[in-house]
Amino acid sequence: MASTATPVETVQGAERAGGRRGRVLRFIGKTCLTAAFILAAYIVWLLWGTGFYTARQQEGLRRQLEARIAERDPRPNPAEPTILPGRAYAILQIPSIDIDEVVVEGTDVVDLKSGPGHYAATEDPWDRKGRVGIAGHRTTYGAPFWDLDKVRAGDEIRLITELGTYDYRVTQTREVLPTAANVLRPSRQPSLVLTTCTPKFSAARRLIVFADLAGGSA
């Protein structure tokens, strides 16, 4: 049977269909814009907002460690400190890339939000033997190791602790897979290893900086 719709009704029907399509497209557009805004806000928080949290933590940790250093036992061979996870461990300084960060004890997710973390299973600098291991974020939470790829052989690394100051010299840098746990293997001579993710914004590999003890002061 032939359609009985008038030209006016046909136009009105087309307008209603077009209106529905327009509302759907507007809804999709607003949804995409909202999602993009939320994603952008999340990225801003990750890259910069987390840094505010770390900066506050660093301030407290530095006061904590400096107070312990000021109260350091001046007698020869003082007792080794017991440092709990998340507490201030040492001050890490790398002049060549302007790093001056408080290292915390531990490398759990929560610990690394406060700053670089000491691998608890590795040695301590005051042991004068074995390997000290420290991990740090390359991005987010202050990105303490952002420029670690710029470190070169011969650069100085200093650890300031309540038992003394220990100076290291970089011997080499290397990229390895995340599963290469042998980089933390104990060494015969006193040494230091710094680890972080590489490339930036990726956890595909690990950037490793190796350094040997150059000297120390009680």
Protein backbone atom coordinates (compact mmCIF):
# COMPACT_ATOMS: atom_id res chain seq x y z
CA MET A 1 0.00 0.00 0.00
CA ALA A 2 1.39 3.39 -0.91
CA SER A 3 2.49 5.75 1.87
CA THR A 4 -0.07 8.36 2.83
CA ALA A 5 2.41 10.63 4.63
CA THR A 6 2.29 14.19 3.51
CA PRO A 7 5.45 16.12 2.59
CA VAL A 8 5.15 18.05 5.86
CA GLU A 9 4.95 14.85 7.92
CA THR A 10 7.94 13.42 6.05
CA VAL A 11 9.98 16.50 6.84
CA GLN A 12 8.91 16.45 10.50
CA GLY A 13 9.85 12.77 10.76
CA ALA A 14 13.25 13.47 9.28
CA GLU A 15 13.73 16.35 11.71
CA ARG A 16 12.85 14.13 14.69
CA ALA A 17 15.30 11.44 13.49
CA GLY A 18 17.97 14.06 12.96
CA GLY A 19 17.28 15.46 16.44
CA ARG A 20 17.73 12.05 18.02
CA ARG A 21 20.99 11.51 16.15
CA GLY A 22 22.15 14.95 17.23
CA ARG A 23 21.40 14.22 20.89
CA VAL A 24 23.25 10.91 20.68
CA LEU A 25 26.27 12.57 19.05
CA ARG A 26 26.26 15.36 21.62
CA PHE A 27 26.09 12.78 24.43
CA ILE A 28 28.99 10.84 22.92
CA GLY A 29 30.98 14.04 22.48
CA LYS A 30 30.41 15.15 26.08
CA THR A 31 31.31 11.67 27.33
CA CYS A 32 34.56 11.69 25.36
CA LEU A 33 35.44 15.17 26.62
CA THR A 34 34.75 14.15 30.21
CA ALA A 35 36.85 11.00 29.85
CA ALA A 36 39.68 13.03 28.28
CA PHE A 37 39.54 15.54 31.14
CA ILE A 38 39.63 12.78 33.76
CA LEU A 39 42.57 11.10 32.00
CA ALA A 40 44.45 14.40 31.71
CA ALA A 41 43.82 15.16 35.39
CA TYR A 42 45.10 11.71 36.34
CA ILE A 43 48.25 12.17 34.27
CA VAL A 44 48.85 15.60 35.83
CA TRP A 45 48.44 14.05 39.28
CA LEU A 46 50.87 11.24 38.47
CA LEU A 47 53.54 13.52 37.03
CA TRP A 48 53.23 16.54 39.33
CA GLY A 49 50.68 15.97 42.08
CA THR A 50 52.53 12.97 43.50
CA GLY A 51 55.61 15.18 43.73
CA PHE A 52 53.94 17.38 46.35
CA TYR A 53 53.36 14.33 48.54
CA THR A 54 56.99 13.23 48.17
CA ALA A 55 58.30 16.74 48.88
CA ARG A 56 56.42 16.82 52.20
CA GLN A 57 57.72 13.37 53.09
CA GLN A 58 61.27 14.38 52.20
CA GLU A 59 61.12 17.40 54.50
CA GLY A 60 60.13 15.25 57.45
CA LEU A 61 62.66 12.53 56.66
CA ARG A 62 65.50 15.05 56.33
CA ARG A 63 64.71 16.57 59.74
CA GLN A 64 64.54 13.07 61.19
CA LEU A 65 67.93 12.02 59.79
CA GLU A 66 69.72 15.31 60.52
CA ALA A 67 68.62 15.02 64.15
CA ARG A 68 70.07 11.50 64.35
CA ILE A 69 73.30 12.66 62.72
CA ALA A 70 73.60 15.51 65.25
CA GLU A 71 73.21 12.99 68.07
CA ARG A 72 75.71 10.57 66.56
CA ASP A 73 77.78 8.59 69.04
CA PRO A 74 81.33 10.04 68.79
CA ARG A 75 82.98 6.95 70.24
CA PRO A 76 84.93 4.61 67.95
CA ASN A 77 82.93 1.72 66.49
CA PRO A 78 79.46 2.82 67.65
CA ALA A 79 76.60 0.34 67.47
CA GLU A 80 75.01 -0.04 64.06
CA PRO A 81 71.60 1.64 63.86
CA THR A 82 68.38 -0.30 63.47
CA ILE A 83 66.37 1.46 60.77
CA LEU A 84 62.75 0.43 60.31
CA PRO A 85 61.07 0.33 56.86
CA GLY A 86 59.94 3.75 55.71
CA ARG A 87 62.35 5.59 58.03
CA ALA A 88 65.22 7.83 56.91
CA TYR A 89 68.27 5.78 55.92
CA ALA A 90 70.77 8.15 54.31
CA ILE A 91 71.11 11.31 52.25
CA LEU A 92 72.02 10.52 48.63
CA GLN A 93 73.92 13.21 46.73
CA ILE A 94 74.96 13.07 43.06
CA PRO A 95 76.41 16.52 42.22
CA SER A 96 76.65 15.88 38.46
CA ILE A 97 72.85 15.66 38.15
CA ASP A 98 71.87 17.80 41.17
CA ILE A 99 70.43 14.97 43.25
CA ASP A 100 70.10 15.57 46.99
CA GLU A 101 67.50 13.12 48.30
CA VAL A 102 66.76 11.36 51.55
CA VAL A 103 66.79 7.59 51.08
CA VAL A 104 64.29 5.54 53.06
CA GLU A 105 64.68 2.00 54.31
CA GLY A 106 62.79 -0.42 52.07
CA THR A 107 61.66 -0.59 48.46
CA ASP A 108 57.97 -1.40 48.83
CA VAL A 109 55.47 0.68 46.85
CA VAL A 110 54.67 2.79 49.93
CA ASP A 111 58.36 3.31 50.79
CA LEU A 112 59.27 4.58 47.30
CA LYS A 113 56.52 7.19 47.45
CA SER A 114 58.67 9.00 50.03
CA GLY A 115 61.93 8.88 48.09
CA PRO A 116 64.63 6.48 46.88
CA GLY A 117 64.67 3.26 48.89
CA HIS A 118 67.42 1.01 50.24
CA TYR A 119 67.07 -2.65 49.29
CA ALA A 120 66.83 -4.22 52.76
CA ALA A 121 68.54 -7.43 51.58
CA THR A 122 71.68 -5.56 50.50
CA GLU A 123 74.52 -4.29 52.64
CA ASP A 124 74.86 -0.99 54.49
CA PRO A 125 77.64 1.52 53.69
CA TRP A 126 79.06 1.26 57.21
CA ASP A 127 79.63 -2.48 56.73
CA ARG A 128 82.60 -1.57 54.52
CA LYS A 129 81.96 -4.69 52.47
CA GLY A 130 79.42 -5.95 49.98
CA ARG A 131 76.99 -3.99 47.85
CA VAL A 132 74.56 -1.25 48.88
CA GLY A 133 71.46 -1.22 46.65
CA ILE A 134 69.14 1.77 46.21
CA ALA A 135 66.06 2.02 43.96
CA GLY A 136 64.20 5.15 42.90
CA HIS A 137 61.36 6.35 40.69
CA ARG A 138 62.26 7.67 37.24
CA THR A 139 58.88 9.40 36.95
CA THR A 140 56.15 10.27 39.50
CA TYR A 141 56.64 10.85 43.23
CA GLY A 142 59.26 13.52 42.73
CA ALA A 143 61.08 11.48 40.04
CA PRO A 144 64.35 11.42 42.02
CA PHE A 145 66.14 9.39 39.32
CA TRP A 146 64.76 11.33 36.33
CA ASP A 147 68.27 12.21 35.07
CA LEU A 148 70.05 9.05 36.20
CA ASP A 149 70.84 8.22 32.56
CA LYS A 150 73.12 11.28 32.50
CA VAL A 151 75.48 9.84 35.11
CA ARG A 152 78.88 8.96 33.69
CA ALA A 153 81.86 6.90 34.82
CA GLY A 154 83.93 8.88 37.30
CA ASP A 155 81.01 10.85 38.71
CA GLU A 156 80.83 11.14 42.49
CA ILE A 157 78.00 9.68 44.58
CA ARG A 158 77.84 10.40 48.29
CA LEU A 159 75.87 8.73 51.07
CA ILE A 160 75.55 10.68 54.31
CA THR A 161 74.51 8.51 57.24
CA GLU A 162 74.43 8.72 61.02
CA LEU A 163 77.59 6.59 61.10
CA GLY A 164 79.57 8.66 58.62
CA THR A 165 79.85 9.88 55.03
CA TYR A 166 80.74 7.50 52.22
CA ASP A 167 81.99 8.59 48.81
CA TYR A 168 81.66 6.41 45.72
CA ARG A 169 82.84 6.74 42.13
CA VAL A 170 80.71 5.54 39.23
CA THR A 171 82.37 2.72 37.31
CA GLN A 172 79.73 1.91 34.69
CA THR A 173 76.05 2.08 33.73
CA ARG A 174 74.02 -0.69 32.14
CA GLU A 175 70.50 -1.53 30.99
CA VAL A 176 69.08 -4.91 31.98
CA LEU A 177 65.78 -6.77 32.08
CA PRO A 178 63.62 -6.36 35.21
CA THR A 179 64.36 -9.99 36.10
CA ALA A 180 68.14 -9.44 36.30
CA ALA A 181 68.41 -9.69 40.08
CA ASN A 182 72.14 -10.46 39.84
CA VAL A 183 72.89 -6.71 39.76
CA LEU A 184 72.26 -6.75 43.53
CA ARG A 185 74.59 -9.68 44.10
CA PRO A 186 77.09 -9.01 46.94
CA SER A 187 80.48 -7.72 45.81
CA ARG A 188 83.87 -8.45 47.33
CA GLN A 189 84.71 -4.79 47.69
CA PRO A 190 82.43 -2.05 49.10
CA SER A 191 80.18 -0.89 46.28
CA LEU A 192 76.90 0.83 45.45
CA VAL A 193 74.20 0.11 42.88
CA LEU A 194 71.38 2.47 41.87
CA THR A 195 68.40 1.07 39.96
CA THR A 196 65.48 2.67 38.15
CA CYS A 197 63.12 2.02 35.24
CA THR A 198 64.07 2.84 31.66
CA PRO A 199 63.11 4.31 29.28
CA LYS A 200 61.15 7.07 30.99
CA PHE A 201 57.44 6.29 31.39
CA SER A 202 58.13 2.60 30.89
CA ALA A 203 59.04 -0.38 33.08
CA ALA A 204 60.35 -2.44 30.16
CA ARG A 205 63.96 -2.39 31.36
CA ARG A 206 66.10 -1.29 34.29
CA LEU A 207 68.88 1.30 34.26
CA ILE A 208 71.70 0.32 36.61
CA VAL A 209 74.48 2.55 37.89
CA PHE A 210 77.48 0.81 39.48
CA ALA A 211 79.91 2.60 41.79
CA ASP A 212 82.81 1.61 44.03
CA LEU A 213 83.69 3.07 47.41
CA ALA A 214 86.26 5.80 46.99
CA GLY A 215 86.53 6.84 50.61
CA GLY A 216 84.59 7.47 53.78
CA SER A 217 84.69 9.48 56.96
CA ALA A 218 83.49 8.55 60.41
